[in-house]
Amino acid sequence: MTRYAIASVLLAALCLGAPSLQADTPPTRKIELTRMDERLFATLDFRDIIDGPLQKKLTSGLPTRIVVQVNLEGHNKNKPLSYWVRSVSIVYDLWEEVFVVTVEDDQGQRRAQVKTSGEAVTLACRVERSAVAQIGELPGGVYRLRVSVEVNPVSKEMVENIRRWLARPSGGGEVSHGSFFGSFVGIFVDRRIGQADRSSTFVSQWFRVGGQ
């Protein structure tokens, strides 16, 4: 087995059943998690956020923006321990008859052209084994990911703040306890989502880091 596969198996073996939670806890989605080189990699799929009406809007020629935010949180902890974000825009080129998908995250900006809306949605709403958190310095304990997805967020300021975060030299996947991290993440964690064309929040299964 490869090192990557071994790490994936080890992490999967540590996944736990969810403890008793409050009634307002978001739904749980099984997320593929892999630990390697002190980083946590996740595969996320939220293509269901693009429903029928939004699917039709994709061919309008107007941009559709999808923002996904991922927080690492510990059991019985009130504050996020890590933050990762990706912003994606989908624009249908009426002249070339292609969908232009632009992705911005801690790996930089990249662009692709695809022929069908289904391909565009897959590029925008599926995250393949991205490093979403640094966990090497975390104390042993039980953790999970909290994922928030918004389609066409109302606040342009939020989108600009995301770009400012991604422009930082350290990127968006670090574990940080500094004041900048806390104040920045508070913009997103503390506010109520839903002021968008469509929004969704879900959490991963609980998993253990370190310890026995």
C-alpha atoms as a PDB file:
ATOM      1  CA  MET A   1       0.000   0.000   0.000  1.00  0.00           C
ATOM      2  CA  THR A   2       1.171   3.557  -0.648  1.00  0.00           C
ATOM      3  CA  ARG A   3       1.901   5.983   2.173  1.00  0.00           C
ATOM      4  CA  TYR A   4      -1.184   7.957   1.172  1.00  0.00           C
ATOM      5  CA  ALA A   5      -3.388   4.868   1.279  1.00  0.00           C
ATOM      6  CA  ILE A   6      -1.979   3.746   4.634  1.00  0.00           C
ATOM      7  CA  ALA A   7      -2.648   7.165   6.149  1.00  0.00           C
ATOM      8  CA  SER A   8      -6.192   7.054   4.805  1.00  0.00           C
ATOM      9  CA  VAL A   9      -6.827   3.622   6.320  1.00  0.00           C
ATOM     10  CA  LEU A  10      -5.404   4.677   9.690  1.00  0.00           C
ATOM     11  CA  LEU A  11      -7.565   7.777   9.825  1.00  0.00           C
ATOM     12  CA  ALA A  12     -10.655   5.870   8.749  1.00  0.00           C
ATOM     13  CA  ALA A  13     -10.048   3.414  11.589  1.00  0.00           C
ATOM     14  CA  LEU A  14     -10.203   6.299  14.058  1.00  0.00           C
ATOM     15  CA  CYS A  15     -13.555   7.648  12.855  1.00  0.00           C
ATOM     16  CA  LEU A  16     -16.090   7.625  15.648  1.00  0.00           C
ATOM     17  CA  GLY A  17     -19.817   7.567  15.989  1.00  0.00           C
ATOM     18  CA  ALA A  18     -21.246  11.013  16.680  1.00  0.00           C
ATOM     19  CA  PRO A  19     -21.815  11.744  20.382  1.00  0.00           C
ATOM     20  CA  SER A  20     -25.073  13.115  21.653  1.00  0.00           C
ATOM     21  CA  LEU A  21     -25.576  16.521  20.014  1.00  0.00           C
ATOM     22  CA  GLN A  22     -27.977  19.403  20.292  1.00  0.00           C
ATOM     23  CA  ALA A  23     -31.100  19.410  18.148  1.00  0.00           C
ATOM     24  CA  ASP A  24     -29.874  22.316  16.015  1.00  0.00           C
ATOM     25  CA  THR A  25     -26.707  20.515  14.923  1.00  0.00           C
ATOM     26  CA  PRO A  26     -26.339  20.455  11.117  1.00  0.00           C
ATOM     27  CA  PRO A  27     -26.730  17.096   9.346  1.00  0.00           C
ATOM     28  CA  THR A  28     -23.727  14.798   9.163  1.00  0.00           C
ATOM     29  CA  ARG A  29     -22.211  13.765   5.849  1.00  0.00           C
ATOM     30  CA  LYS A  30     -19.613  11.034   5.554  1.00  0.00           C
ATOM     31  CA  ILE A  31     -16.456  12.759   4.327  1.00  0.00           C
ATOM     32  CA  GLU A  32     -13.336  11.023   3.045  1.00  0.00           C
ATOM     33  CA  LEU A  33     -10.527  12.123   5.378  1.00  0.00           C
ATOM     34  CA  THR A  34      -6.807  11.464   5.049  1.00  0.00           C
ATOM     35  CA  ARG A  35      -3.962  12.522   7.305  1.00  0.00           C
ATOM     36  CA  MET A  36      -0.510  12.932   5.777  1.00  0.00           C
ATOM     37  CA  ASP A  37       2.495  15.099   6.663  1.00  0.00           C
ATOM     38  CA  GLU A  38       0.609  16.595   9.619  1.00  0.00           C
ATOM     39  CA  ARG A  39      -2.144  17.897   7.358  1.00  0.00           C
ATOM     40  CA  LEU A  40      -5.761  16.824   7.045  1.00  0.00           C
ATOM     41  CA  PHE A  41      -7.004  16.187   3.503  1.00  0.00           C
ATOM     42  CA  ALA A  42     -10.715  16.032   2.708  1.00  0.00           C
ATOM     43  CA  THR A  43     -12.846  15.112  -0.274  1.00  0.00           C
ATOM     44  CA  LEU A  44     -16.097  17.091  -0.292  1.00  0.00           C
ATOM     45  CA  ASP A  45     -19.063  16.740  -2.622  1.00  0.00           C
ATOM     46  CA  PHE A  46     -21.938  19.207  -2.477  1.00  0.00           C
ATOM     47  CA  ARG A  47     -23.253  19.136  -6.032  1.00  0.00           C
ATOM     48  CA  ASP A  48     -26.792  18.886  -4.663  1.00  0.00           C
ATOM     49  CA  ILE A  49     -26.569  22.599  -3.752  1.00  0.00           C
ATOM     50  CA  ILE A  50     -27.246  23.372  -7.434  1.00  0.00           C
ATOM     51  CA  ASP A  51     -30.949  22.611  -7.750  1.00  0.00           C
ATOM     52  CA  GLY A  52     -33.159  22.878 -10.847  1.00  0.00           C
ATOM     53  CA  PRO A  53     -33.656  26.673 -10.886  1.00  0.00           C
ATOM     54  CA  LEU A  54     -29.954  27.331 -10.262  1.00  0.00           C
ATOM     55  CA  GLN A  55     -29.045  24.835 -12.988  1.00  0.00           C
ATOM     56  CA  LYS A  56     -31.102  26.881 -15.461  1.00  0.00           C
ATOM     57  CA  LYS A  57     -29.411  30.112 -14.369  1.00  0.00           C
ATOM     58  CA  LEU A  58     -26.009  28.736 -15.309  1.00  0.00           C
ATOM     59  CA  THR A  59     -26.687  29.356 -19.005  1.00  0.00           C
ATOM     60  CA  SER A  60     -27.809  32.962 -18.530  1.00  0.00           C
ATOM     61  CA  GLY A  61     -24.346  34.409 -19.115  1.00  0.00           C
ATOM     62  CA  LEU A  62     -24.339  35.930 -15.616  1.00  0.00           C
ATOM     63  CA  PRO A  63     -21.747  34.671 -13.117  1.00  0.00           C
ATOM     64  CA  THR A  64     -22.707  32.123 -10.495  1.00  0.00           C
ATOM     65  CA  ARG A  65     -20.440  32.163  -7.438  1.00  0.00           C
ATOM     66  CA  ILE A  66     -20.102  29.281  -4.995  1.00  0.00           C
ATOM     67  CA  VAL A  67     -18.266  29.763  -1.707  1.00  0.00           C
ATOM     68  CA  VAL A  68     -17.329  26.811   0.505  1.00  0.00           C
ATOM     69  CA  GLN A  69     -15.881  27.357   3.977  1.00  0.00           C
ATOM     70  CA  VAL A  70     -14.446  24.581   6.120  1.00  0.00           C
ATOM     71  CA  ASN A  71     -13.738  24.868   9.839  1.00  0.00           C
ATOM     72  CA  LEU A  72     -12.036  22.296  12.054  1.00  0.00           C
ATOM     73  CA  GLU A  73     -13.696  22.138  15.455  1.00  0.00           C
ATOM     74  CA  GLY A  74     -13.075  20.087  18.564  1.00  0.00           C
ATOM     75  CA  HIS A  75     -15.696  18.343  20.637  1.00  0.00           C
ATOM     76  CA  ASN A  76     -17.141  20.763  23.213  1.00  0.00           C
ATOM     77  CA  LYS A  77     -15.078  23.622  21.751  1.00  0.00           C
ATOM     78  CA  ASN A  78     -16.707  26.950  20.960  1.00  0.00           C
ATOM     79  CA  LYS A  79     -14.169  28.324  18.496  1.00  0.00           C
ATOM     80  CA  PRO A  80     -12.863  26.937  15.195  1.00  0.00           C
ATOM     81  CA  LEU A  81      -9.270  25.694  15.248  1.00  0.00           C
ATOM     82  CA  SER A  82      -8.589  26.006  11.538  1.00  0.00           C
ATOM     83  CA  TYR A  83     -10.143  27.628   8.507  1.00  0.00           C
ATOM     84  CA  TRP A  84     -10.120  26.824   4.777  1.00  0.00           C
ATOM     85  CA  VAL A  85     -12.070  28.506   1.987  1.00  0.00           C
ATOM     86  CA  ARG A  86     -12.626  28.135  -1.739  1.00  0.00           C
ATOM     87  CA  SER A  87     -14.459  30.545  -4.034  1.00  0.00           C
ATOM     88  CA  VAL A  88     -15.601  29.389  -7.471  1.00  0.00           C
ATOM     89  CA  SER A  89     -17.322  31.270 -10.279  1.00  0.00           C
ATOM     90  CA  ILE A  90     -19.143  29.733 -13.235  1.00  0.00           C
ATOM     91  CA  VAL A  91     -19.801  31.883 -16.308  1.00  0.00           C
ATOM     92  CA  TYR A  92     -21.368  30.663 -19.530  1.00  0.00           C
ATOM     93  CA  ASP A  93     -19.684  32.162 -22.582  1.00  0.00           C
ATOM     94  CA  LEU A  94     -22.605  32.739 -24.945  1.00  0.00           C
ATOM     95  CA  TRP A  95     -20.315  33.217 -27.960  1.00  0.00           C
ATOM     96  CA  GLU A  96     -18.045  30.229 -27.448  1.00  0.00           C
ATOM     97  CA  GLU A  97     -20.803  28.093 -25.864  1.00  0.00           C
ATOM     98  CA  VAL A  98     -18.566  26.903 -23.057  1.00  0.00           C
ATOM     99  CA  PHE A  99     -18.687  27.200 -19.273  1.00  0.00           C
ATOM    100  CA  VAL A 100     -15.705  29.004 -17.759  1.00  0.00           C
ATOM    101  CA  VAL A 101     -14.994  27.814 -14.214  1.00  0.00           C
ATOM    102  CA  THR A 102     -12.575  29.868 -12.081  1.00  0.00           C
ATOM    103  CA  VAL A 103     -11.373  28.420  -8.766  1.00  0.00           C
ATOM    104  CA  GLU A 104      -9.651  30.465  -6.045  1.00  0.00           C
ATOM    105  CA  ASP A 105      -8.245  28.823  -2.921  1.00  0.00           C
ATOM    106  CA  ASP A 106      -4.967  28.487  -1.007  1.00  0.00           C
ATOM    107  CA  GLN A 107      -3.406  26.857  -4.083  1.00  0.00           C
ATOM    108  CA  GLY A 108      -3.959  30.000  -6.149  1.00  0.00           C
ATOM    109  CA  GLN A 109      -6.301  30.739  -9.040  1.00  0.00           C
ATOM    110  CA  ARG A 110      -6.956  28.375 -11.936  1.00  0.00           C
ATOM    111  CA  ARG A 111      -9.422  28.342 -14.796  1.00  0.00           C
ATOM    112  CA  ALA A 112     -10.996  25.643 -16.925  1.00  0.00           C
ATOM    113  CA  GLN A 113     -13.464  25.509 -19.807  1.00  0.00           C
ATOM    114  CA  VAL A 114     -16.028  22.730 -20.114  1.00  0.00           C
ATOM    115  CA  LYS A 115     -18.879  22.032 -22.510  1.00  0.00           C
ATOM    116  CA  THR A 116     -21.714  21.016 -20.180  1.00  0.00           C
ATOM    117  CA  SER A 117     -23.294  22.461 -17.068  1.00  0.00           C
ATOM    118  CA  GLY A 118     -22.847  19.102 -15.331  1.00  0.00           C
ATOM    119  CA  GLU A 119     -19.088  19.295 -15.804  1.00  0.00           C
ATOM    120  CA  ALA A 120     -19.090  22.874 -14.530  1.00  0.00           C
ATOM    121  CA  VAL A 121     -21.020  21.925 -11.402  1.00  0.00           C
ATOM    122  CA  THR A 122     -18.642  19.027 -10.705  1.00  0.00           C
ATOM    123  CA  LEU A 123     -15.611  21.321 -10.968  1.00  0.00           C
ATOM    124  CA  ALA A 124     -17.244  23.892  -8.712  1.00  0.00           C
ATOM    125  CA  CYS A 125     -18.876  21.631  -6.141  1.00  0.00           C
ATOM    126  CA  ARG A 126     -16.457  18.775  -5.658  1.00  0.00           C
ATOM    127  CA  VAL A 127     -13.232  19.188  -3.691  1.00  0.00           C
ATOM    128  CA  GLU A 128     -10.747  16.378  -4.292  1.00  0.00           C
ATOM    129  CA  ARG A 129      -8.333  15.589  -1.442  1.00  0.00           C
ATOM    130  CA  SER A 130      -7.513  19.175  -0.555  1.00  0.00           C
ATOM    131  CA  ALA A 131      -5.508  20.010   2.577  1.00  0.00           C
ATOM    132  CA  VAL A 132      -8.133  21.765   4.683  1.00  0.00           C
ATOM    133  CA  ALA A 133      -6.344  21.903   8.036  1.00  0.00           C
ATOM    134  CA  GLN A 134      -2.985  21.655   9.778  1.00  0.00           C
ATOM    135  CA  ILE A 135      -3.359  19.143  12.597  1.00  0.00           C
ATOM    136  CA  GLY A 136       0.245  18.340  13.519  1.00  0.00           C
ATOM    137  CA  GLU A 137       0.231  20.600  16.588  1.00  0.00           C
ATOM    138  CA  LEU A 138      -3.276  19.796  17.805  1.00  0.00           C
ATOM    139  CA  PRO A 139      -3.647  18.120  21.189  1.00  0.00           C
ATOM    140  CA  GLY A 140      -5.049  14.601  21.188  1.00  0.00           C
ATOM    141  CA  GLY A 141      -8.822  14.636  21.033  1.00  0.00           C
ATOM    142  CA  VAL A 142     -11.962  14.265  18.946  1.00  0.00           C
ATOM    143  CA  TYR A 143     -12.583  16.604  16.019  1.00  0.00           C
ATOM    144  CA  ARG A 144     -14.826  17.135  13.011  1.00  0.00           C
ATOM    145  CA  LEU A 145     -15.187  19.465  10.040  1.00  0.00           C
ATOM    146  CA  ARG A 146     -17.996  21.991   9.703  1.00  0.00           C
ATOM    147  CA  VAL A 147     -18.727  22.879   6.075  1.00  0.00           C
ATOM    148  CA  SER A 148     -20.767  25.878   4.907  1.00  0.00           C
ATOM    149  CA  VAL A 149     -21.657  26.343   1.238  1.00  0.00           C
ATOM    150  CA  GLU A 150     -23.336  29.400  -0.288  1.00  0.00           C
ATOM    151  CA  VAL A 151     -24.429  30.063  -3.857  1.00  0.00           C
ATOM    152  CA  ASN A 152     -24.278  33.745  -4.853  1.00  0.00           C
ATOM    153  CA  PRO A 153     -23.658  35.273  -1.415  1.00  0.00           C
ATOM    154  CA  VAL A 154     -25.315  38.669  -1.110  1.00  0.00           C
ATOM    155  CA  SER A 155     -22.329  40.364   0.513  1.00  0.00           C
ATOM    156  CA  LYS A 156     -19.652  41.525  -1.925  1.00  0.00           C
ATOM    157  CA  GLU A 157     -17.602  42.487   1.134  1.00  0.00           C
ATOM    158  CA  MET A 158     -17.516  38.840   2.180  1.00  0.00           C
ATOM    159  CA  VAL A 159     -16.161  37.792  -1.209  1.00  0.00           C
ATOM    160  CA  GLU A 160     -13.488  40.499  -1.062  1.00  0.00           C
ATOM    161  CA  ASN A 161     -12.503  39.425   2.463  1.00  0.00           C
ATOM    162  CA  ILE A 162     -12.141  35.870   1.220  1.00  0.00           C
ATOM    163  CA  ARG A 163      -9.811  37.048  -1.535  1.00  0.00           C
ATOM    164  CA  ARG A 164      -7.816  39.017   1.037  1.00  0.00           C
ATOM    165  CA  TRP A 165      -7.496  35.898   3.170  1.00  0.00           C
ATOM    166  CA  LEU A 166      -6.381  33.800   0.213  1.00  0.00           C
ATOM    167  CA  ALA A 167      -3.771  36.409  -0.703  1.00  0.00           C
ATOM    168  CA  ARG A 168      -1.991  35.909   2.627  1.00  0.00           C
ATOM    169  CA  PRO A 169       1.378  34.122   2.250  1.00  0.00           C
ATOM    170  CA  SER A 170       0.322  31.313   4.591  1.00  0.00           C
ATOM    171  CA  GLY A 171      -2.895  30.620   2.704  1.00  0.00           C
ATOM    172  CA  GLY A 172      -6.185  29.538   4.195  1.00  0.00           C
ATOM    173  CA  GLY A 173      -5.456  26.076   5.560  1.00  0.00           C
ATOM    174  CA  GLU A 174      -3.396  26.867   8.618  1.00  0.00           C
ATOM    175  CA  VAL A 175      -4.141  26.276  12.270  1.00  0.00           C
ATOM    176  CA  SER A 176      -3.756  29.613  13.943  1.00  0.00           C
ATOM    177  CA  HIS A 177      -4.661  31.094  17.283  1.00  0.00           C
ATOM    178  CA  GLY A 178      -3.662  34.662  16.384  1.00  0.00           C
ATOM    179  CA  SER A 179      -5.986  37.628  16.640  1.00  0.00           C
ATOM    180  CA  PHE A 180      -6.202  38.023  12.852  1.00  0.00           C
ATOM    181  CA  PHE A 181      -7.391  34.446  12.465  1.00  0.00           C
ATOM    182  CA  GLY A 182     -10.003  34.849  15.168  1.00  0.00           C
ATOM    183  CA  SER A 183     -11.395  38.137  13.912  1.00  0.00           C
ATOM    184  CA  PHE A 184     -11.413  37.022  10.292  1.00  0.00           C
ATOM    185  CA  VAL A 185     -13.134  33.697  10.849  1.00  0.00           C
ATOM    186  CA  GLY A 186     -15.642  35.413  13.096  1.00  0.00           C
ATOM    187  CA  ILE A 187     -16.994  37.191  10.016  1.00  0.00           C
ATOM    188  CA  PHE A 188     -18.187  33.839   8.707  1.00  0.00           C
ATOM    189  CA  VAL A 189     -18.643  31.596  11.717  1.00  0.00           C
ATOM    190  CA  ASP A 190     -20.685  34.024  13.791  1.00  0.00           C
ATOM    191  CA  ARG A 191     -22.988  35.331  11.103  1.00  0.00           C
ATOM    192  CA  ARG A 192     -26.147  33.579   9.961  1.00  0.00           C
ATOM    193  CA  ILE A 193     -25.856  32.098   6.505  1.00  0.00           C
ATOM    194  CA  GLY A 194     -28.877  31.943   4.263  1.00  0.00           C
ATOM    195  CA  GLN A 195     -28.610  35.401   2.687  1.00  0.00           C
ATOM    196  CA  ALA A 196     -27.817  33.804  -0.640  1.00  0.00           C
ATOM    197  CA  ASP A 197     -29.611  32.107  -3.523  1.00  0.00           C
ATOM    198  CA  ARG A 198     -29.046  28.832  -1.692  1.00  0.00           C
ATOM    199  CA  SER A 199     -27.007  27.751   1.316  1.00  0.00           C
ATOM    200  CA  SER A 200     -26.177  24.559   3.165  1.00  0.00           C
ATOM    201  CA  THR A 201     -24.254  23.610   6.306  1.00  0.00           C
ATOM    202  CA  PHE A 202     -23.170  20.109   7.293  1.00  0.00           C
ATOM    203  CA  VAL A 203     -20.577  18.425   9.485  1.00  0.00           C
ATOM    204  CA  SER A 204     -18.282  15.454   8.996  1.00  0.00           C
ATOM    205  CA  GLN A 205     -18.102  12.360  11.145  1.00  0.00           C
ATOM    206  CA  TRP A 206     -16.107  12.738  14.370  1.00  0.00           C
ATOM    207  CA  PHE A 207     -12.519  11.505  14.213  1.00  0.00           C
ATOM    208  CA  ARG A 208      -9.660  11.233  16.696  1.00  0.00           C
ATOM    209  CA  VAL A 209      -6.290  12.920  16.469  1.00  0.00           C
ATOM    210  CA  GLY A 210      -3.464  11.551  18.654  1.00  0.00           C
ATOM    211  CA  GLY A 211      -3.953   9.737  21.915  1.00  0.00           C
ATOM    212  CA  GLN A 212      -5.285   6.219  22.225  1.00  0.00           C
END
